[in-house]
Amino acid sequence: MNRSSLAALSLAPLLGASQTLLQATTMAALSIMAIVVHRALMLPLRRQLDATCTVIASVLLAATVVTCQTLALHAWALELRQALGIYPELIAVSCLLVEQRLGAPTQWRRLGLLLAGYGALFLLLGACRELLANGSLRLASLAPGALMLLGVLLALIKRACPKQAAPTVKETAER
């Protein structure tokens, strides 16, 4: 599985479980906790295992961390757990994506910035979807509406911070 397909799979929790601000906050917190715990627990394992065993250990560890979170949600917040559906389990894909993308264990600052942006995107999308769905635009409560709203939010972010945005195809070709 290549990186772009993993990135596409990590969009599912963002779009599916951000219908309300409470759901978005919960998913952002669960995602950040799972990724940080997964990354911290993989640190000593990376030194001990070869590449193949590291990948297997990473998958098993991500599944374990996310399962523990899901069981905790089931025990202490059953209504919220039911509202979130299958999306908390898909956080394991985000753990694997971060592990594959960052690789070196010394990039904690970069990980912090990435998680802050991911959490902020969750909260912003959840707040916008809740406001629009309760108002006049019912499409915002559905997944296609979330995808359109995400596109609008990312375009606004790119417009507001042009230097922080990803390079265009033309800029990439010039390098």
C-alpha atoms as a PDB file:
ATOM      1  CA  MET A   1       0.000   0.000   0.000  1.00  0.00           C
ATOM      2  CA  ASN A   2       1.534   3.309  -1.038  1.00  0.00           C
ATOM      3  CA  ARG A   3       1.522   6.569   0.885  1.00  0.00           C
ATOM      4  CA  SER A   4      -1.204   8.278  -1.112  1.00  0.00           C
ATOM      5  CA  SER A   5      -3.671   5.454  -0.514  1.00  0.00           C
ATOM      6  CA  LEU A   6      -2.877   5.541   3.204  1.00  0.00           C
ATOM      7  CA  ALA A   7      -3.454   9.301   3.206  1.00  0.00           C
ATOM      8  CA  ALA A   8      -6.787   8.824   1.445  1.00  0.00           C
ATOM      9  CA  LEU A   9      -7.835   6.251   4.048  1.00  0.00           C
ATOM     10  CA  SER A  10      -7.002   8.641   6.880  1.00  0.00           C
ATOM     11  CA  LEU A  11      -9.529  11.125   5.460  1.00  0.00           C
ATOM     12  CA  ALA A  12     -12.417   8.810   6.380  1.00  0.00           C
ATOM     13  CA  PRO A  13     -12.390   9.617  10.116  1.00  0.00           C
ATOM     14  CA  LEU A  14     -11.994  13.322   9.375  1.00  0.00           C
ATOM     15  CA  LEU A  15     -14.984  13.438   7.049  1.00  0.00           C
ATOM     16  CA  GLY A  16     -17.186  10.824   8.678  1.00  0.00           C
ATOM     17  CA  ALA A  17     -16.865  11.638  12.356  1.00  0.00           C
ATOM     18  CA  SER A  18     -16.930  15.425  12.387  1.00  0.00           C
ATOM     19  CA  GLN A  19     -20.683  16.025  12.150  1.00  0.00           C
ATOM     20  CA  THR A  20     -20.714  17.885  15.457  1.00  0.00           C
ATOM     21  CA  LEU A  21     -18.098  19.762  17.417  1.00  0.00           C
ATOM     22  CA  LEU A  22     -18.243  17.132  20.188  1.00  0.00           C
ATOM     23  CA  GLN A  23     -17.578  14.308  17.733  1.00  0.00           C
ATOM     24  CA  ALA A  24     -14.767  16.255  16.073  1.00  0.00           C
ATOM     25  CA  THR A  25     -13.172  17.083  19.424  1.00  0.00           C
ATOM     26  CA  THR A  26     -13.365  13.464  20.525  1.00  0.00           C
ATOM     27  CA  MET A  27     -11.887  12.181  17.279  1.00  0.00           C
ATOM     28  CA  ALA A  28      -9.111  14.786  17.352  1.00  0.00           C
ATOM     29  CA  ALA A  29      -8.208  13.853  20.933  1.00  0.00           C
ATOM     30  CA  LEU A  30      -8.320  10.127  20.190  1.00  0.00           C
ATOM     31  CA  SER A  31      -6.215  10.569  17.055  1.00  0.00           C
ATOM     32  CA  ILE A  32      -3.566  12.687  18.747  1.00  0.00           C
ATOM     33  CA  MET A  33      -3.338  10.369  21.761  1.00  0.00           C
ATOM     34  CA  ALA A  34      -3.138   7.241  19.615  1.00  0.00           C
ATOM     35  CA  ILE A  35      -0.478   8.649  17.303  1.00  0.00           C
ATOM     36  CA  VAL A  36       1.699   9.927  20.159  1.00  0.00           C
ATOM     37  CA  VAL A  37       1.399   6.676  22.148  1.00  0.00           C
ATOM     38  CA  HIS A  38       2.044   4.580  19.046  1.00  0.00           C
ATOM     39  CA  ARG A  39       5.073   6.650  18.119  1.00  0.00           C
ATOM     40  CA  ALA A  40       6.476   6.541  21.662  1.00  0.00           C
ATOM     41  CA  LEU A  41       6.018   2.776  21.954  1.00  0.00           C
ATOM     42  CA  MET A  42       7.606   2.180  18.549  1.00  0.00           C
ATOM     43  CA  LEU A  43      10.750   4.078  19.561  1.00  0.00           C
ATOM     44  CA  PRO A  44      12.449   1.196  21.437  1.00  0.00           C
ATOM     45  CA  LEU A  45      11.103  -1.418  19.018  1.00  0.00           C
ATOM     46  CA  ARG A  46      12.676   0.237  15.981  1.00  0.00           C
ATOM     47  CA  ARG A  47      16.164  -0.339  17.376  1.00  0.00           C
ATOM     48  CA  GLN A  48      15.545  -4.028  18.090  1.00  0.00           C
ATOM     49  CA  LEU A  49      13.761  -5.184  14.930  1.00  0.00           C
ATOM     50  CA  ASP A  50      14.577  -5.372  11.246  1.00  0.00           C
ATOM     51  CA  ALA A  51      12.443  -3.542   8.641  1.00  0.00           C
ATOM     52  CA  THR A  52       9.854  -6.291   8.073  1.00  0.00           C
ATOM     53  CA  CYS A  53       9.361  -6.989  11.757  1.00  0.00           C
ATOM     54  CA  THR A  54       9.097  -3.245  12.435  1.00  0.00           C
ATOM     55  CA  VAL A  55       6.189  -2.940  10.006  1.00  0.00           C
ATOM     56  CA  ILE A  56       4.409  -5.921  11.574  1.00  0.00           C
ATOM     57  CA  ALA A  57       5.012  -4.578  15.070  1.00  0.00           C
ATOM     58  CA  SER A  58       3.736  -1.160  14.018  1.00  0.00           C
ATOM     59  CA  VAL A  59       0.494  -2.620  12.653  1.00  0.00           C
ATOM     60  CA  LEU A  60      -0.080  -4.726  15.776  1.00  0.00           C
ATOM     61  CA  LEU A  61       0.739  -1.836  18.088  1.00  0.00           C
ATOM     62  CA  ALA A  62      -1.565   0.584  16.238  1.00  0.00           C
ATOM     63  CA  ALA A  63      -4.399  -1.936  16.411  1.00  0.00           C
ATOM     64  CA  THR A  64      -3.786  -2.482  20.124  1.00  0.00           C
ATOM     65  CA  VAL A  65      -3.720   1.220  21.001  1.00  0.00           C
ATOM     66  CA  VAL A  66      -6.873   1.960  19.013  1.00  0.00           C
ATOM     67  CA  THR A  67      -8.684  -1.067  20.432  1.00  0.00           C
ATOM     68  CA  CYS A  68      -7.916   0.089  23.974  1.00  0.00           C
ATOM     69  CA  GLN A  69      -9.269   3.544  23.147  1.00  0.00           C
ATOM     70  CA  THR A  70     -12.394   2.089  21.602  1.00  0.00           C
ATOM     71  CA  LEU A  71     -13.041  -0.145  24.608  1.00  0.00           C
ATOM     72  CA  ALA A  72     -12.606   2.852  26.921  1.00  0.00           C
ATOM     73  CA  LEU A  73     -15.116   4.833  24.853  1.00  0.00           C
ATOM     74  CA  HIS A  74     -17.485   1.881  24.931  1.00  0.00           C
ATOM     75  CA  ALA A  75     -17.214   1.656  28.719  1.00  0.00           C
ATOM     76  CA  TRP A  76     -17.417   5.344  29.641  1.00  0.00           C
ATOM     77  CA  ALA A  77     -19.138   7.128  26.743  1.00  0.00           C
ATOM     78  CA  LEU A  78     -21.414   4.622  25.042  1.00  0.00           C
ATOM     79  CA  GLU A  79     -23.682   7.159  23.311  1.00  0.00           C
ATOM     80  CA  LEU A  80     -20.694   9.011  21.877  1.00  0.00           C
ATOM     81  CA  ARG A  81     -19.110   5.704  20.848  1.00  0.00           C
ATOM     82  CA  GLN A  82     -22.270   4.735  18.977  1.00  0.00           C
ATOM     83  CA  ALA A  83     -22.464   8.151  17.307  1.00  0.00           C
ATOM     84  CA  LEU A  84     -18.877   7.840  16.073  1.00  0.00           C
ATOM     85  CA  GLY A  85     -19.539   4.486  14.405  1.00  0.00           C
ATOM     86  CA  ILE A  86     -16.534   2.696  12.953  1.00  0.00           C
ATOM     87  CA  TYR A  87     -14.385   5.788  12.652  1.00  0.00           C
ATOM     88  CA  PRO A  88     -12.389   5.442  15.912  1.00  0.00           C
ATOM     89  CA  GLU A  89     -11.012   2.131  14.625  1.00  0.00           C
ATOM     90  CA  LEU A  90      -9.729   3.855  11.495  1.00  0.00           C
ATOM     91  CA  ILE A  91      -7.366   5.955  13.610  1.00  0.00           C
ATOM     92  CA  ALA A  92      -4.960   3.013  13.361  1.00  0.00           C
ATOM     93  CA  VAL A  93      -4.470   3.935   9.693  1.00  0.00           C
ATOM     94  CA  SER A  94      -3.424   7.435  10.747  1.00  0.00           C
ATOM     95  CA  CYS A  95      -0.893   5.911  13.168  1.00  0.00           C
ATOM     96  CA  LEU A  96       0.587   3.844  10.348  1.00  0.00           C
ATOM     97  CA  LEU A  97       0.626   6.821   8.005  1.00  0.00           C
ATOM     98  CA  VAL A  98       2.530   8.974  10.495  1.00  0.00           C
ATOM     99  CA  GLU A  99       4.951   6.124  11.176  1.00  0.00           C
ATOM    100  CA  GLN A 100       5.599   5.666   7.464  1.00  0.00           C
ATOM    101  CA  ARG A 101       5.848   9.387   6.635  1.00  0.00           C
ATOM    102  CA  LEU A 102       8.049  10.563   9.501  1.00  0.00           C
ATOM    103  CA  GLY A 103      10.234   7.484   9.858  1.00  0.00           C
ATOM    104  CA  ALA A 104      13.048   8.912  11.997  1.00  0.00           C
ATOM    105  CA  PRO A 105      12.150   8.964  15.685  1.00  0.00           C
ATOM    106  CA  THR A 106      13.815  12.348  16.287  1.00  0.00           C
ATOM    107  CA  GLN A 107      11.183  14.432  14.502  1.00  0.00           C
ATOM    108  CA  TRP A 108       8.974  15.180  17.536  1.00  0.00           C
ATOM    109  CA  ARG A 109       8.660  18.873  16.682  1.00  0.00           C
ATOM    110  CA  ARG A 110       7.464  18.070  13.175  1.00  0.00           C
ATOM    111  CA  LEU A 111       5.043  15.519  14.615  1.00  0.00           C
ATOM    112  CA  GLY A 112       3.706  18.130  17.063  1.00  0.00           C
ATOM    113  CA  LEU A 113       3.067  20.609  14.253  1.00  0.00           C
ATOM    114  CA  LEU A 114       1.419  17.931  12.132  1.00  0.00           C
ATOM    115  CA  LEU A 115      -0.865  16.842  14.966  1.00  0.00           C
ATOM    116  CA  ALA A 116      -1.730  20.432  15.885  1.00  0.00           C
ATOM    117  CA  GLY A 117      -2.781  21.079  12.297  1.00  0.00           C
ATOM    118  CA  TYR A 118      -4.732  17.815  12.115  1.00  0.00           C
ATOM    119  CA  GLY A 119      -6.529  18.573  15.383  1.00  0.00           C
ATOM    120  CA  ALA A 120      -7.301  22.124  14.315  1.00  0.00           C
ATOM    121  CA  LEU A 121      -8.691  20.854  11.024  1.00  0.00           C
ATOM    122  CA  PHE A 122     -10.927  18.402  12.901  1.00  0.00           C
ATOM    123  CA  LEU A 123     -12.253  21.153  15.177  1.00  0.00           C
ATOM    124  CA  LEU A 124     -12.731  23.668  12.377  1.00  0.00           C
ATOM    125  CA  LEU A 125     -14.523  21.159  10.173  1.00  0.00           C
ATOM    126  CA  GLY A 126     -16.711  19.953  13.064  1.00  0.00           C
ATOM    127  CA  ALA A 127     -17.709  23.478  14.063  1.00  0.00           C
ATOM    128  CA  CYS A 128     -18.494  24.515  10.476  1.00  0.00           C
ATOM    129  CA  ARG A 129     -20.488  21.356   9.788  1.00  0.00           C
ATOM    130  CA  GLU A 130     -22.533  21.741  12.959  1.00  0.00           C
ATOM    131  CA  LEU A 131     -23.273  25.404  12.278  1.00  0.00           C
ATOM    132  CA  LEU A 132     -24.217  24.838   8.653  1.00  0.00           C
ATOM    133  CA  ALA A 133     -26.267  21.686   9.312  1.00  0.00           C
ATOM    134  CA  ASN A 134     -28.272  23.360  12.074  1.00  0.00           C
ATOM    135  CA  GLY A 135     -28.826  26.382   9.879  1.00  0.00           C
ATOM    136  CA  SER A 136     -29.890  26.242   6.293  1.00  0.00           C
ATOM    137  CA  LEU A 137     -27.462  23.811   4.637  1.00  0.00           C
ATOM    138  CA  ARG A 138     -28.356  20.183   5.429  1.00  0.00           C
ATOM    139  CA  LEU A 139     -25.738  18.924   2.962  1.00  0.00           C
ATOM    140  CA  ALA A 140     -23.035  19.803   5.505  1.00  0.00           C
ATOM    141  CA  SER A 141     -24.201  17.001   7.805  1.00  0.00           C
ATOM    142  CA  LEU A 142     -23.509  14.374   5.104  1.00  0.00           C
ATOM    143  CA  ALA A 143     -20.099  13.039   4.042  1.00  0.00           C
ATOM    144  CA  PRO A 144     -20.196  14.646   0.547  1.00  0.00           C
ATOM    145  CA  GLY A 145     -20.913  17.991   2.170  1.00  0.00           C
ATOM    146  CA  ALA A 146     -17.987  17.432   4.521  1.00  0.00           C
ATOM    147  CA  LEU A 147     -15.706  16.774   1.566  1.00  0.00           C
ATOM    148  CA  MET A 148     -16.830  19.973  -0.164  1.00  0.00           C
ATOM    149  CA  LEU A 149     -16.466  21.940   3.054  1.00  0.00           C
ATOM    150  CA  LEU A 150     -12.995  20.494   3.604  1.00  0.00           C
ATOM    151  CA  GLY A 151     -12.011  21.647   0.126  1.00  0.00           C
ATOM    152  CA  VAL A 152     -13.270  25.155   0.857  1.00  0.00           C
ATOM    153  CA  LEU A 153     -11.441  25.248   4.207  1.00  0.00           C
ATOM    154  CA  LEU A 154      -8.170  24.045   2.673  1.00  0.00           C
ATOM    155  CA  ALA A 155      -8.469  26.630  -0.106  1.00  0.00           C
ATOM    156  CA  LEU A 156      -9.011  29.364   2.485  1.00  0.00           C
ATOM    157  CA  ILE A 157      -6.016  28.147   4.495  1.00  0.00           C
ATOM    158  CA  LYS A 158      -3.852  28.091   1.353  1.00  0.00           C
ATOM    159  CA  ARG A 159      -5.013  31.599   0.477  1.00  0.00           C
ATOM    160  CA  ALA A 160      -4.336  32.904   3.999  1.00  0.00           C
ATOM    161  CA  CYS A 161      -0.909  31.243   4.326  1.00  0.00           C
ATOM    162  CA  PRO A 162       0.566  30.959   0.812  1.00  0.00           C
ATOM    163  CA  LYS A 163       4.122  30.262   2.011  1.00  0.00           C
ATOM    164  CA  GLN A 164       3.003  27.378   4.245  1.00  0.00           C
ATOM    165  CA  ALA A 165       0.932  25.703   1.528  1.00  0.00           C
ATOM    166  CA  ALA A 166       2.201  22.842  -0.576  1.00  0.00           C
ATOM    167  CA  PRO A 167       4.075  23.776  -3.743  1.00  0.00           C
ATOM    168  CA  THR A 168       2.178  23.767  -7.018  1.00  0.00           C
ATOM    169  CA  VAL A 169       2.995  21.408  -9.875  1.00  0.00           C
ATOM    170  CA  LYS A 170       4.836  24.185 -11.701  1.00  0.00           C
ATOM    171  CA  GLU A 171       7.018  24.972  -8.649  1.00  0.00           C
ATOM    172  CA  THR A 172       7.803  21.288  -8.221  1.00  0.00           C
ATOM    173  CA  ALA A 173       8.805  20.935 -11.895  1.00  0.00           C
ATOM    174  CA  GLU A 174      11.148  23.941 -11.639  1.00  0.00           C
ATOM    175  CA  ARG A 175      13.108  22.328  -8.799  1.00  0.00           C
END
